[in-house]
Amino acid sequence: ARAVSERGEVVVRRRDDGAVELRVNGVFVMDTAQTDTERLLARAALDTMAHPHRVLVGGLGLGFTVRELLDDSRVHSVVVAEIEPAVVDWMRAGTIPGADLVCDPRVEIVVADVRDVVAEAAAHSLDAVVLDVDNGPGYLVHEQNAAVYAAEFLTACRSRLRLGGQLTVWSAAPTPALAATMTDVFGDSRTRSVAVDLQGRAESYWLLSTTA
């Protein structure tokens, strides 16, 4: 399937190996063949919290982060900010596997920029904010996504988190500048590298986290 929005082209395709792949403006975003880090992104928040009742996720993608969150019985609701309406429509239609996710009563999908969704959230209303809106600050799909990693937006996230709430961010590469900004805003940050096997090619992705 293919769609064009004001941000450019969004494509989902089934490869010869059977995996479903998502690309934006020709840039690989994610696939169903390697989902470990998407799931670990959720666990990075969940495993450090006693009561992760309400979680906001930036980016629906192929749904693996949301699915991991829902597998935890402590999670009562997940708000998903997805900027591309086609991605949501394709999942509802079954073009992207995951129709059960969008129908789950615990899931609220908002078709909007995650910055706007955070701005509209009440203060201290979230237990975790999980960001997988891009390939990280070093490999932006959309230039405007740089604002997601800036101090202004991270400060907004902090004000919406309850005391002890977690912010976690996925990145395709080490991002010391982002870690430093998170430390400036929250007072600390933790960076974890995750080894992955991409069809026989060893690679590392990165998870950054901090506590409100």
N, C-alpha and C. Protein backbone atom coordinates (compact mmCIF):
# COMPACT_ATOMS: atom_id res chain seq x y z
N ALA A 1 0.85 -1.19 0.00
CA ALA A 1 0.00 0.00 0.00
C ALA A 1 0.89 1.23 0.00
N ARG A 2 0.36 2.30 -0.55
CA ARG A 2 1.12 3.55 -0.65
C ARG A 2 0.18 4.72 -0.43
N ALA A 3 0.67 5.73 0.30
CA ALA A 3 -0.10 6.95 0.52
C ALA A 3 0.86 8.13 0.49
N VAL A 4 0.33 9.29 0.16
CA VAL A 4 1.11 10.51 0.14
C VAL A 4 0.41 11.53 1.04
N SER A 5 1.16 12.07 1.99
CA SER A 5 0.64 13.11 2.87
C SER A 5 1.46 14.37 2.66
N GLU A 6 1.18 15.41 3.43
CA GLU A 6 1.95 16.65 3.33
C GLU A 6 3.40 16.45 3.72
N ARG A 7 3.71 15.35 4.39
CA ARG A 7 5.09 15.05 4.78
C ARG A 7 5.82 14.19 3.75
N GLY A 8 5.08 13.65 2.78
CA GLY A 8 5.70 12.85 1.75
C GLY A 8 5.05 11.49 1.60
N GLU A 9 5.82 10.52 1.12
CA GLU A 9 5.31 9.20 0.78
C GLU A 9 5.46 8.22 1.95
N VAL A 10 4.42 7.45 2.18
CA VAL A 10 4.44 6.36 3.16
C VAL A 10 4.10 5.07 2.43
N VAL A 11 4.94 4.06 2.61
CA VAL A 11 4.76 2.79 1.90
C VAL A 11 4.86 1.64 2.89
N VAL A 12 3.97 0.68 2.78
CA VAL A 12 4.10 -0.59 3.48
C VAL A 12 4.11 -1.69 2.43
N ARG A 13 5.05 -2.62 2.56
CA ARG A 13 5.17 -3.67 1.55
C ARG A 13 5.56 -4.98 2.19
N ARG A 14 5.21 -6.07 1.52
CA ARG A 14 5.63 -7.39 1.97
C ARG A 14 6.82 -7.82 1.13
N ARG A 15 7.93 -8.09 1.81
CA ARG A 15 9.16 -8.48 1.12
C ARG A 15 9.13 -9.95 0.71
N ASP A 16 10.13 -10.32 -0.07
CA ASP A 16 10.23 -11.70 -0.52
C ASP A 16 10.41 -12.67 0.64
N ASP A 17 11.00 -12.18 1.76
CA ASP A 17 11.19 -13.06 2.91
C ASP A 17 9.93 -13.16 3.78
N GLY A 18 8.84 -12.50 3.36
CA GLY A 18 7.59 -12.56 4.08
C GLY A 18 7.38 -11.47 5.10
N ALA A 19 8.43 -10.70 5.41
CA ALA A 19 8.32 -9.64 6.40
C ALA A 19 7.56 -8.44 5.83
N VAL A 20 6.83 -7.76 6.69
CA VAL A 20 6.17 -6.52 6.33
C VAL A 20 7.10 -5.37 6.71
N GLU A 21 7.27 -4.44 5.80
CA GLU A 21 8.25 -3.36 5.98
C GLU A 21 7.55 -2.01 5.80
N LEU A 22 7.91 -1.06 6.65
CA LEU A 22 7.37 0.30 6.57
C LEU A 22 8.48 1.26 6.17
N ARG A 23 8.22 2.07 5.14
CA ARG A 23 9.17 3.07 4.68
C ARG A 23 8.47 4.43 4.58
N VAL A 24 9.21 5.48 4.88
CA VAL A 24 8.71 6.84 4.77
C VAL A 24 9.69 7.63 3.91
N ASN A 25 9.20 8.19 2.82
CA ASN A 25 10.06 8.92 1.87
C ASN A 25 11.27 8.09 1.44
N GLY A 26 11.02 6.80 1.25
CA GLY A 26 12.07 5.90 0.81
C GLY A 26 13.00 5.41 1.89
N VAL A 27 12.86 5.93 3.12
CA VAL A 27 13.74 5.57 4.23
C VAL A 27 13.13 4.42 5.02
N PHE A 28 13.90 3.37 5.25
CA PHE A 28 13.45 2.25 6.07
C PHE A 28 13.16 2.74 7.48
N VAL A 29 12.00 2.37 8.00
CA VAL A 29 11.62 2.74 9.36
C VAL A 29 11.63 1.52 10.27
N MET A 30 10.92 0.44 9.86
CA MET A 30 10.88 -0.77 10.68
C MET A 30 10.27 -1.90 9.86
N ASP A 31 10.41 -3.12 10.38
CA ASP A 31 9.78 -4.27 9.75
C ASP A 31 9.36 -5.28 10.80
N THR A 32 8.72 -6.35 10.35
CA THR A 32 8.25 -7.38 11.28
C THR A 32 9.27 -8.49 11.49
N ALA A 33 10.42 -8.39 10.83
CA ALA A 33 11.44 -9.43 10.97
C ALA A 33 12.26 -9.25 12.25
N GLN A 34 12.51 -8.01 12.64
CA GLN A 34 13.32 -7.73 13.82
C GLN A 34 12.56 -6.72 14.68
N THR A 35 11.98 -7.22 15.76
CA THR A 35 11.14 -6.36 16.60
C THR A 35 11.63 -6.28 18.04
N ASP A 36 12.81 -6.80 18.31
CA ASP A 36 13.30 -6.85 19.70
C ASP A 36 13.38 -5.48 20.33
N THR A 37 13.94 -4.51 19.61
CA THR A 37 14.17 -3.22 20.25
C THR A 37 12.87 -2.45 20.44
N GLU A 38 11.88 -2.64 19.56
CA GLU A 38 10.59 -2.01 19.78
C GLU A 38 9.95 -2.52 21.07
N ARG A 39 10.07 -3.81 21.31
CA ARG A 39 9.52 -4.40 22.53
C ARG A 39 10.34 -3.98 23.75
N LEU A 40 11.65 -3.93 23.61
CA LEU A 40 12.50 -3.51 24.73
C LEU A 40 12.27 -2.06 25.09
N LEU A 41 11.89 -1.24 24.10
CA LEU A 41 11.57 0.15 24.37
C LEU A 41 10.43 0.23 25.39
N ALA A 42 9.42 -0.59 25.21
CA ALA A 42 8.31 -0.62 26.17
C ALA A 42 8.78 -1.14 27.52
N ARG A 43 9.57 -2.19 27.51
CA ARG A 43 10.01 -2.78 28.77
C ARG A 43 10.94 -1.85 29.53
N ALA A 44 11.68 -1.01 28.83
CA ALA A 44 12.57 -0.06 29.50
C ALA A 44 11.79 0.86 30.42
N ALA A 45 10.56 1.17 30.02
CA ALA A 45 9.70 1.98 30.89
C ALA A 45 9.00 1.11 31.94
N LEU A 46 8.43 0.00 31.52
CA LEU A 46 7.63 -0.81 32.42
C LEU A 46 8.42 -1.41 33.57
N ASP A 47 9.64 -1.85 33.31
CA ASP A 47 10.40 -2.58 34.30
C ASP A 47 10.94 -1.70 35.42
N THR A 48 10.83 -0.39 35.26
CA THR A 48 11.34 0.52 36.29
C THR A 48 10.21 1.19 37.06
N MET A 49 8.97 0.76 36.82
CA MET A 49 7.82 1.43 37.42
C MET A 49 6.93 0.45 38.17
N ALA A 50 6.40 0.91 39.29
CA ALA A 50 5.49 0.07 40.05
C ALA A 50 4.07 0.12 39.49
N HIS A 51 3.66 1.28 38.97
CA HIS A 51 2.27 1.45 38.54
C HIS A 51 2.21 2.18 37.19
N PRO A 52 2.60 1.50 36.12
CA PRO A 52 2.55 2.14 34.79
C PRO A 52 1.15 2.09 34.18
N HIS A 53 0.20 2.80 34.81
CA HIS A 53 -1.20 2.66 34.41
C HIS A 53 -1.50 3.30 33.07
N ARG A 54 -0.96 4.50 32.83
CA ARG A 54 -1.31 5.25 31.62
C ARG A 54 -0.03 5.64 30.88
N VAL A 55 0.07 5.21 29.63
CA VAL A 55 1.29 5.40 28.84
C VAL A 55 0.94 6.11 27.54
N LEU A 56 1.78 7.05 27.16
CA LEU A 56 1.65 7.70 25.85
C LEU A 56 2.78 7.21 24.95
N VAL A 57 2.43 6.77 23.75
CA VAL A 57 3.41 6.28 22.79
C VAL A 57 3.44 7.21 21.59
N GLY A 58 4.61 7.70 21.25
CA GLY A 58 4.79 8.48 20.04
C GLY A 58 5.17 7.56 18.90
N GLY A 59 4.24 7.33 17.98
CA GLY A 59 4.48 6.48 16.82
C GLY A 59 3.83 5.11 16.94
N LEU A 60 2.84 4.84 16.10
CA LEU A 60 2.21 3.51 16.08
C LEU A 60 3.09 2.51 15.38
N GLY A 61 3.69 2.93 14.25
CA GLY A 61 4.55 2.02 13.50
C GLY A 61 3.83 0.74 13.13
N LEU A 62 4.45 -0.39 13.40
CA LEU A 62 3.84 -1.69 13.13
C LEU A 62 3.22 -2.30 14.38
N GLY A 63 3.20 -1.53 15.47
CA GLY A 63 2.42 -1.91 16.64
C GLY A 63 3.12 -2.72 17.70
N PHE A 64 4.40 -3.02 17.55
CA PHE A 64 5.04 -3.94 18.49
C PHE A 64 5.30 -3.31 19.86
N THR A 65 5.59 -2.03 19.91
CA THR A 65 5.77 -1.36 21.19
C THR A 65 4.44 -1.33 21.95
N VAL A 66 3.36 -0.99 21.26
CA VAL A 66 2.04 -0.95 21.89
C VAL A 66 1.65 -2.35 22.37
N ARG A 67 1.90 -3.35 21.57
CA ARG A 67 1.54 -4.72 21.96
C ARG A 67 2.27 -5.14 23.23
N GLU A 68 3.56 -4.79 23.33
CA GLU A 68 4.33 -5.14 24.52
C GLU A 68 3.76 -4.44 25.75
N LEU A 69 3.36 -3.20 25.60
CA LEU A 69 2.74 -2.48 26.72
C LEU A 69 1.45 -3.17 27.16
N LEU A 70 0.63 -3.57 26.22
CA LEU A 70 -0.66 -4.17 26.54
C LEU A 70 -0.51 -5.55 27.17
N ASP A 71 0.63 -6.19 26.93
CA ASP A 71 0.86 -7.50 27.53
C ASP A 71 1.10 -7.41 29.04
N ASP A 72 1.33 -6.19 29.54
CA ASP A 72 1.53 -5.97 30.97
C ASP A 72 0.19 -5.60 31.59
N SER A 73 -0.30 -6.41 32.51
CA SER A 73 -1.63 -6.21 33.09
C SER A 73 -1.73 -4.92 33.90
N ARG A 74 -0.60 -4.34 34.27
CA ARG A 74 -0.63 -3.09 35.04
C ARG A 74 -1.01 -1.90 34.17
N VAL A 75 -0.85 -2.03 32.85
CA VAL A 75 -1.15 -0.94 31.94
C VAL A 75 -2.66 -0.91 31.69
N HIS A 76 -3.28 0.19 32.09
CA HIS A 76 -4.73 0.33 31.94
C HIS A 76 -5.11 1.04 30.64
N SER A 77 -4.26 1.94 30.17
CA SER A 77 -4.59 2.65 28.93
C SER A 77 -3.32 3.09 28.23
N VAL A 78 -3.37 3.07 26.90
CA VAL A 78 -2.26 3.50 26.05
C VAL A 78 -2.80 4.51 25.05
N VAL A 79 -2.25 5.71 25.07
CA VAL A 79 -2.57 6.73 24.08
C VAL A 79 -1.47 6.70 23.03
N VAL A 80 -1.84 6.53 21.77
CA VAL A 80 -0.86 6.44 20.68
C VAL A 80 -1.01 7.66 19.78
N ALA A 81 0.05 8.42 19.63
CA ALA A 81 0.07 9.54 18.70
C ALA A 81 0.73 9.08 17.40
N GLU A 82 -0.03 9.04 16.32
CA GLU A 82 0.49 8.64 15.01
C GLU A 82 0.16 9.74 14.01
N ILE A 83 1.18 10.31 13.41
CA ILE A 83 0.98 11.47 12.55
C ILE A 83 0.45 11.11 11.16
N GLU A 84 0.69 9.87 10.73
CA GLU A 84 0.27 9.46 9.39
C GLU A 84 -1.05 8.69 9.45
N PRO A 85 -2.15 9.28 8.98
CA PRO A 85 -3.44 8.58 9.05
C PRO A 85 -3.45 7.27 8.27
N ALA A 86 -2.66 7.17 7.20
CA ALA A 86 -2.65 5.94 6.41
C ALA A 86 -2.18 4.75 7.23
N VAL A 87 -1.21 4.97 8.12
CA VAL A 87 -0.69 3.87 8.94
C VAL A 87 -1.80 3.31 9.83
N VAL A 88 -2.60 4.20 10.40
CA VAL A 88 -3.71 3.76 11.24
C VAL A 88 -4.76 3.04 10.39
N ASP A 89 -5.09 3.60 9.24
CA ASP A 89 -6.08 2.99 8.35
C ASP A 89 -5.64 1.61 7.89
N TRP A 90 -4.35 1.47 7.56
CA TRP A 90 -3.85 0.18 7.10
C TRP A 90 -3.90 -0.86 8.19
N MET A 91 -3.66 -0.45 9.44
CA MET A 91 -3.73 -1.42 10.53
C MET A 91 -5.19 -1.82 10.78
N ARG A 92 -6.09 -0.86 10.72
CA ARG A 92 -7.51 -1.19 10.90
C ARG A 92 -7.99 -2.16 9.83
N ALA A 93 -7.49 -1.98 8.60
CA ALA A 93 -7.94 -2.81 7.48
C ALA A 93 -7.23 -4.15 7.43
N GLY A 94 -6.16 -4.33 8.21
CA GLY A 94 -5.41 -5.58 8.19
C GLY A 94 -4.27 -5.60 7.20
N THR A 95 -4.07 -4.51 6.46
CA THR A 95 -2.92 -4.43 5.55
C THR A 95 -1.63 -4.52 6.36
N ILE A 96 -1.59 -3.82 7.48
CA ILE A 96 -0.55 -4.01 8.50
C ILE A 96 -1.16 -4.89 9.58
N PRO A 97 -0.55 -6.03 9.92
CA PRO A 97 -1.12 -6.88 10.97
C PRO A 97 -1.26 -6.09 12.28
N GLY A 98 -2.40 -6.25 12.95
CA GLY A 98 -2.59 -5.56 14.21
C GLY A 98 -3.95 -4.93 14.39
N ALA A 99 -4.95 -5.42 13.66
CA ALA A 99 -6.30 -4.87 13.80
C ALA A 99 -6.81 -5.01 15.22
N ASP A 100 -6.33 -6.05 15.94
CA ASP A 100 -6.76 -6.24 17.32
C ASP A 100 -6.27 -5.11 18.22
N LEU A 101 -5.12 -4.51 17.87
CA LEU A 101 -4.59 -3.42 18.67
C LEU A 101 -5.49 -2.19 18.60
N VAL A 102 -5.85 -1.81 17.39
CA VAL A 102 -6.64 -0.59 17.24
C VAL A 102 -8.06 -0.77 17.76
N CYS A 103 -8.49 -2.02 17.92
CA CYS A 103 -9.82 -2.29 18.47
C CYS A 103 -9.80 -2.52 19.98
N ASP A 104 -8.61 -2.61 20.56
CA ASP A 104 -8.50 -2.86 22.00
C ASP A 104 -9.06 -1.66 22.77
N PRO A 105 -9.98 -1.88 23.71
CA PRO A 105 -10.58 -0.75 24.44
C PRO A 105 -9.59 0.03 25.29
N ARG A 106 -8.42 -0.54 25.55
CA ARG A 106 -7.41 0.18 26.33
C ARG A 106 -6.60 1.15 25.48
N VAL A 107 -6.77 1.07 24.15
CA VAL A 107 -5.96 1.86 23.24
C VAL A 107 -6.76 3.03 22.68
N GLU A 108 -6.16 4.21 22.76
CA GLU A 108 -6.72 5.41 22.12
C GLU A 108 -5.70 5.91 21.11
N ILE A 109 -6.06 5.89 19.83
CA ILE A 109 -5.15 6.37 18.79
C ILE A 109 -5.56 7.77 18.38
N VAL A 110 -4.60 8.67 18.45
CA VAL A 110 -4.83 10.06 18.06
C VAL A 110 -3.98 10.33 16.82
N VAL A 111 -4.61 10.69 15.73
CA VAL A 111 -3.88 11.00 14.50
C VAL A 111 -3.42 12.45 14.59
N ALA A 112 -2.19 12.63 15.04
CA ALA A 112 -1.66 13.97 15.28
C ALA A 112 -0.18 13.86 15.58
N ASP A 113 0.50 14.99 15.54
CA ASP A 113 1.90 15.10 15.95
C ASP A 113 1.98 14.84 17.44
N VAL A 114 2.94 14.03 17.86
CA VAL A 114 3.07 13.71 19.28
C VAL A 114 3.29 14.95 20.12
N ARG A 115 3.89 15.99 19.55
CA ARG A 115 4.10 17.22 20.31
C ARG A 115 2.77 17.86 20.67
N ASP A 116 1.81 17.80 19.76
CA ASP A 116 0.49 18.36 20.04
C ASP A 116 -0.26 17.52 21.06
N VAL A 117 -0.11 16.22 20.97
CA VAL A 117 -0.79 15.33 21.92
C VAL A 117 -0.25 15.55 23.33
N VAL A 118 1.06 15.68 23.46
CA VAL A 118 1.65 15.96 24.77
C VAL A 118 1.19 17.32 25.28
N ALA A 119 1.17 18.31 24.40
CA ALA A 119 0.77 19.66 24.81
C ALA A 119 -0.66 19.68 25.36
N GLU A 120 -1.53 18.84 24.83
CA GLU A 120 -2.93 18.82 25.25
C GLU A 120 -3.18 17.92 26.47
N ALA A 121 -2.18 17.13 26.85
CA ALA A 121 -2.34 16.25 28.01
C ALA A 121 -2.30 17.09 29.30
N ALA A 122 -3.04 16.63 30.29
CA ALA A 122 -3.04 17.33 31.58
C ALA A 122 -1.71 17.11 32.30
N ALA A 123 -1.36 18.06 33.13
CA ALA A 123 -0.13 17.94 33.92
C ALA A 123 -0.19 16.71 34.81
N HIS A 124 0.92 15.98 34.86
CA HIS A 124 1.07 14.81 35.73
C HIS A 124 -0.01 13.76 35.50
N SER A 125 -0.41 13.59 34.23
CA SER A 125 -1.47 12.63 33.90
C SER A 125 -0.94 11.33 33.32
N LEU A 126 0.37 11.25 33.08
CA LEU A 126 0.96 10.08 32.42
C LEU A 126 1.99 9.42 33.32
N ASP A 127 2.06 8.10 33.21
CA ASP A 127 3.07 7.35 33.93
C ASP A 127 4.32 7.11 33.10
N ALA A 128 4.17 7.16 31.78
CA ALA A 128 5.32 6.96 30.89
C ALA A 128 5.04 7.60 29.55
N VAL A 129 6.11 8.10 28.93
CA VAL A 129 6.08 8.58 27.55
C VAL A 129 7.14 7.78 26.80
N VAL A 130 6.72 7.11 25.74
CA VAL A 130 7.60 6.24 24.95
C VAL A 130 7.66 6.81 23.54
N LEU A 131 8.86 7.17 23.08
CA LEU A 131 9.01 7.84 21.80
C LEU A 131 9.75 6.98 20.79
N ASP A 132 9.04 6.64 19.71
CA ASP A 132 9.63 5.93 18.57
C ASP A 132 9.05 6.55 17.31
N VAL A 133 9.25 7.86 17.18
CA VAL A 133 8.64 8.59 16.07
C VAL A 133 9.54 8.68 14.85
N ASP A 134 10.79 8.25 15.00
CA ASP A 134 11.76 8.43 13.92
C ASP A 134 12.87 7.41 14.14
N ASN A 135 13.95 7.53 13.36
CA ASN A 135 15.11 6.67 13.57
C ASN A 135 16.11 7.28 14.52
N GLY A 136 15.69 8.28 15.27
CA GLY A 136 16.58 8.96 16.20
C GLY A 136 17.03 10.29 15.63
N PRO A 137 17.63 11.14 16.46
CA PRO A 137 18.01 12.49 16.00
C PRO A 137 19.05 12.51 14.90
N GLY A 138 19.79 11.42 14.75
CA GLY A 138 20.83 11.39 13.72
C GLY A 138 20.36 10.89 12.37
N TYR A 139 19.15 10.32 12.30
CA TYR A 139 18.64 9.74 11.05
C TYR A 139 17.17 10.12 10.88
N LEU A 140 16.89 11.41 10.82
CA LEU A 140 15.52 11.89 10.77
C LEU A 140 14.84 11.53 9.46
N VAL A 141 13.62 11.03 9.55
CA VAL A 141 12.78 10.82 8.38
C VAL A 141 12.19 12.15 7.93
N HIS A 142 11.77 12.97 8.91
CA HIS A 142 11.25 14.31 8.65
C HIS A 142 12.09 15.29 9.46
N GLU A 143 12.54 16.36 8.84
CA GLU A 143 13.38 17.33 9.54
C GLU A 143 12.67 17.93 10.75
N GLN A 144 11.34 18.10 10.66
CA GLN A 144 10.62 18.70 11.77
C GLN A 144 10.64 17.83 13.02
N ASN A 145 10.98 16.55 12.85
CA ASN A 145 11.05 15.66 14.01
C ASN A 145 12.22 15.98 14.93
N ALA A 146 13.14 16.82 14.47
CA ALA A 146 14.25 17.24 15.34
C ALA A 146 13.72 17.87 16.62
N ALA A 147 12.55 18.52 16.53
CA ALA A 147 11.97 19.18 17.70
C ALA A 147 11.58 18.19 18.79
N VAL A 148 11.35 16.92 18.42
CA VAL A 148 10.99 15.91 19.40
C VAL A 148 12.13 15.65 20.38
N TYR A 149 13.35 15.91 19.94
CA TYR A 149 14.53 15.64 20.77
C TYR A 149 15.08 16.90 21.43
N ALA A 150 14.37 18.01 21.31
CA ALA A 150 14.83 19.28 21.84
C ALA A 150 14.34 19.49 23.27
N ALA A 151 15.01 20.38 23.98
CA ALA A 151 14.71 20.60 25.39
C ALA A 151 13.27 21.06 25.62
N GLU A 152 12.73 21.88 24.72
CA GLU A 152 11.37 22.39 24.91
C GLU A 152 10.35 21.27 24.98
N PHE A 153 10.44 20.32 24.05
CA PHE A 153 9.48 19.22 24.06
C PHE A 153 9.74 18.27 25.23
N LEU A 154 10.99 17.99 25.53
CA LEU A 154 11.30 17.10 26.65
C LEU A 154 10.82 17.71 27.97
N THR A 155 10.89 19.02 28.07
CA THR A 155 10.37 19.69 29.27
C THR A 155 8.86 19.54 29.35
N ALA A 156 8.18 19.63 28.21
CA ALA A 156 6.74 19.40 28.18
C ALA A 156 6.41 17.98 28.63
N CYS A 157 7.19 17.02 28.16
CA CYS A 157 6.98 15.62 28.58
C CYS A 157 7.13 15.48 30.09
N ARG A 158 8.15 16.11 30.62
CA ARG A 158 8.39 16.00 32.07
C ARG A 158 7.20 16.54 32.86
N SER A 159 6.63 17.64 32.41
CA SER A 159 5.52 18.24 33.16
C SER A 159 4.26 17.40 33.08
N ARG A 160 4.15 16.53 32.08
CA ARG A 160 2.97 15.66 31.96
C ARG A 160 3.16 14.34 32.69
N LEU A 161 4.37 14.03 33.10
CA LEU A 161 4.64 12.78 33.80
C LEU A 161 4.40 12.94 35.30
N ARG A 162 3.88 11.88 35.89
CA ARG A 162 3.77 11.84 37.34
C ARG A 162 5.16 11.64 37.94
N LEU A 163 5.31 11.95 39.21
CA LEU A 163 6.59 11.76 39.89
C LEU A 163 7.01 10.30 39.77
N GLY A 164 8.22 10.07 39.28
CA GLY A 164 8.70 8.71 39.06
C GLY A 164 8.37 8.16 37.69
N GLY A 165 7.64 8.95 36.88
CA GLY A 165 7.31 8.51 35.53
C GLY A 165 8.54 8.43 34.65
N GLN A 166 8.42 7.65 33.57
CA GLN A 166 9.57 7.36 32.72
C GLN A 166 9.40 7.93 31.32
N LEU A 167 10.47 8.48 30.78
CA LEU A 167 10.56 8.84 29.37
C LEU A 167 11.58 7.91 28.73
N THR A 168 11.19 7.22 27.66
CA THR A 168 12.13 6.35 26.94
C THR A 168 12.10 6.71 25.46
N VAL A 169 13.27 6.64 24.82
CA VAL A 169 13.43 7.07 23.44
C VAL A 169 14.23 6.02 22.68
N TRP A 170 13.78 5.69 21.46
CA TRP A 170 14.48 4.75 20.58
C TRP A 170 15.37 5.53 19.62
N SER A 171 16.57 5.00 19.36
CA SER A 171 17.47 5.65 18.41
C SER A 171 18.26 4.60 17.65
N ALA A 172 18.53 4.89 16.38
CA ALA A 172 19.30 3.96 15.55
C ALA A 172 20.80 4.10 15.77
N ALA A 173 21.23 5.11 16.53
CA ALA A 173 22.66 5.36 16.71
C ALA A 173 22.89 5.98 18.08
N PRO A 174 24.13 5.95 18.57
CA PRO A 174 24.43 6.65 19.83
C PRO A 174 24.11 8.13 19.69
N THR A 175 23.53 8.72 20.72
CA THR A 175 23.12 10.12 20.64
C THR A 175 23.52 10.84 21.94
N PRO A 176 24.81 11.11 22.11
CA PRO A 176 25.24 11.78 23.35
C PRO A 176 24.62 13.16 23.54
N ALA A 177 24.32 13.86 22.45
CA ALA A 177 23.70 15.17 22.59
C ALA A 177 22.30 15.04 23.18
N LEU A 178 21.54 14.03 22.74
CA LEU A 178 20.21 13.81 23.29
C LEU A 178 20.30 13.40 24.75
N ALA A 179 21.24 12.52 25.07
CA ALA A 179 21.43 12.11 26.46
C ALA A 179 21.73 13.31 27.34
N ALA A 180 22.55 14.23 26.83
CA ALA A 180 22.89 15.42 27.60
C ALA A 180 21.67 16.31 27.80
N THR A 181 20.83 16.44 26.76
CA THR A 181 19.63 17.26 26.87
C THR A 181 18.66 16.64 27.87
N MET A 182 18.51 15.32 27.82
CA MET A 182 17.64 14.64 28.77
C MET A 182 18.13 14.84 30.20
N THR A 183 19.45 14.82 30.39
CA THR A 183 20.02 15.05 31.71
C THR A 183 19.75 16.48 32.17
N ASP A 184 19.89 17.42 31.26
CA ASP A 184 19.63 18.82 31.61
C ASP A 184 18.18 19.01 32.06
N VAL A 185 17.25 18.35 31.37
CA VAL A 185 15.83 18.54 31.65
C VAL A 185 15.37 17.74 32.86
N PHE A 186 15.81 16.48 32.96
CA PHE A 186 15.30 15.58 33.99
C PHE A 186 16.25 15.39 35.17
N GLY A 187 17.53 15.71 34.95
CA GLY A 187 18.50 15.51 36.02
C GLY A 187 19.30 14.23 35.89
N ASP A 188 18.87 13.35 34.97
CA ASP A 188 19.64 12.13 34.72
C ASP A 188 19.22 11.57 33.38
N SER A 189 20.00 10.64 32.87
CA SER A 189 19.64 9.86 31.68
C SER A 189 20.46 8.60 31.65
N ARG A 190 19.89 7.57 31.03
CA ARG A 190 20.56 6.29 30.91
C ARG A 190 20.51 5.85 29.46
N THR A 191 21.63 5.36 28.96
CA THR A 191 21.71 4.91 27.57
C THR A 191 22.07 3.43 27.55
N ARG A 192 21.32 2.68 26.76
CA ARG A 192 21.53 1.23 26.67
C ARG A 192 21.65 0.82 25.21
N SER A 193 22.70 0.11 24.86
CA SER A 193 22.82 -0.41 23.51
C SER A 193 22.22 -1.81 23.46
N VAL A 194 21.57 -2.12 22.35
CA VAL A 194 20.92 -3.41 22.17
C VAL A 194 21.42 -4.03 20.87
N ALA A 195 22.04 -5.19 20.98
CA ALA A 195 22.55 -5.88 19.79
C ALA A 195 21.40 -6.55 19.05
N VAL A 196 21.37 -6.41 17.74
CA VAL A 196 20.34 -7.05 16.92
C VAL A 196 20.99 -7.72 15.73
N ASP A 197 20.29 -8.72 15.20
CA ASP A 197 20.75 -9.44 14.01
C ASP A 197 19.83 -9.08 12.86
N LEU A 198 20.33 -8.32 11.92
CA LEU A 198 19.53 -7.88 10.78
C LEU A 198 19.85 -8.77 9.58
N GLN A 199 19.15 -9.91 9.52
CA GLN A 199 19.33 -10.85 8.43
C GLN A 199 20.81 -11.22 8.25
N GLY A 200 21.43 -11.58 9.38
CA GLY A 200 22.82 -12.02 9.36
C GLY A 200 23.83 -10.91 9.55
N ARG A 201 23.39 -9.67 9.62
CA ARG A 201 24.30 -8.53 9.82
C ARG A 201 24.12 -8.02 11.25
N ALA A 202 25.22 -8.03 12.02
CA ALA A 202 25.17 -7.57 13.40
C ALA A 202 25.06 -6.05 13.43
N GLU A 203 24.19 -5.56 14.29
CA GLU A 203 23.97 -4.12 14.41
C GLU A 203 23.62 -3.81 15.85
N SER A 204 23.68 -2.55 16.23
CA SER A 204 23.25 -2.12 17.56
C SER A 204 22.29 -0.96 17.42
N TYR A 205 21.21 -1.01 18.21
CA TYR A 205 20.30 0.11 18.35
C TYR A 205 20.41 0.61 19.78
N TRP A 206 19.76 1.75 20.07
CA TRP A 206 19.99 2.41 21.35
C TRP A 206 18.68 2.84 21.99
N LEU A 207 18.59 2.64 23.29
CA LEU A 207 17.45 3.08 24.08
C LEU A 207 17.95 4.06 25.13
N LEU A 208 17.29 5.21 25.20
CA LEU A 208 17.62 6.22 26.19
C LEU A 208 16.43 6.38 27.13
N SER A 209 16.69 6.52 28.40
CA SER A 209 15.60 6.65 29.36
C SER A 209 15.98 7.60 30.49
N THR A 210 14.94 8.12 31.14
CA THR A 210 15.14 9.02 32.26
C THR A 210 13.88 9.02 33.11
N THR A 211 13.98 9.59 34.32
CA THR A 211 12.90 9.53 35.29
C THR A 211 12.50 10.92 35.73
N ALA A 212 11.20 11.17 35.76
CA ALA A 212 10.69 12.47 36.21
C ALA A 212 10.78 12.59 37.72
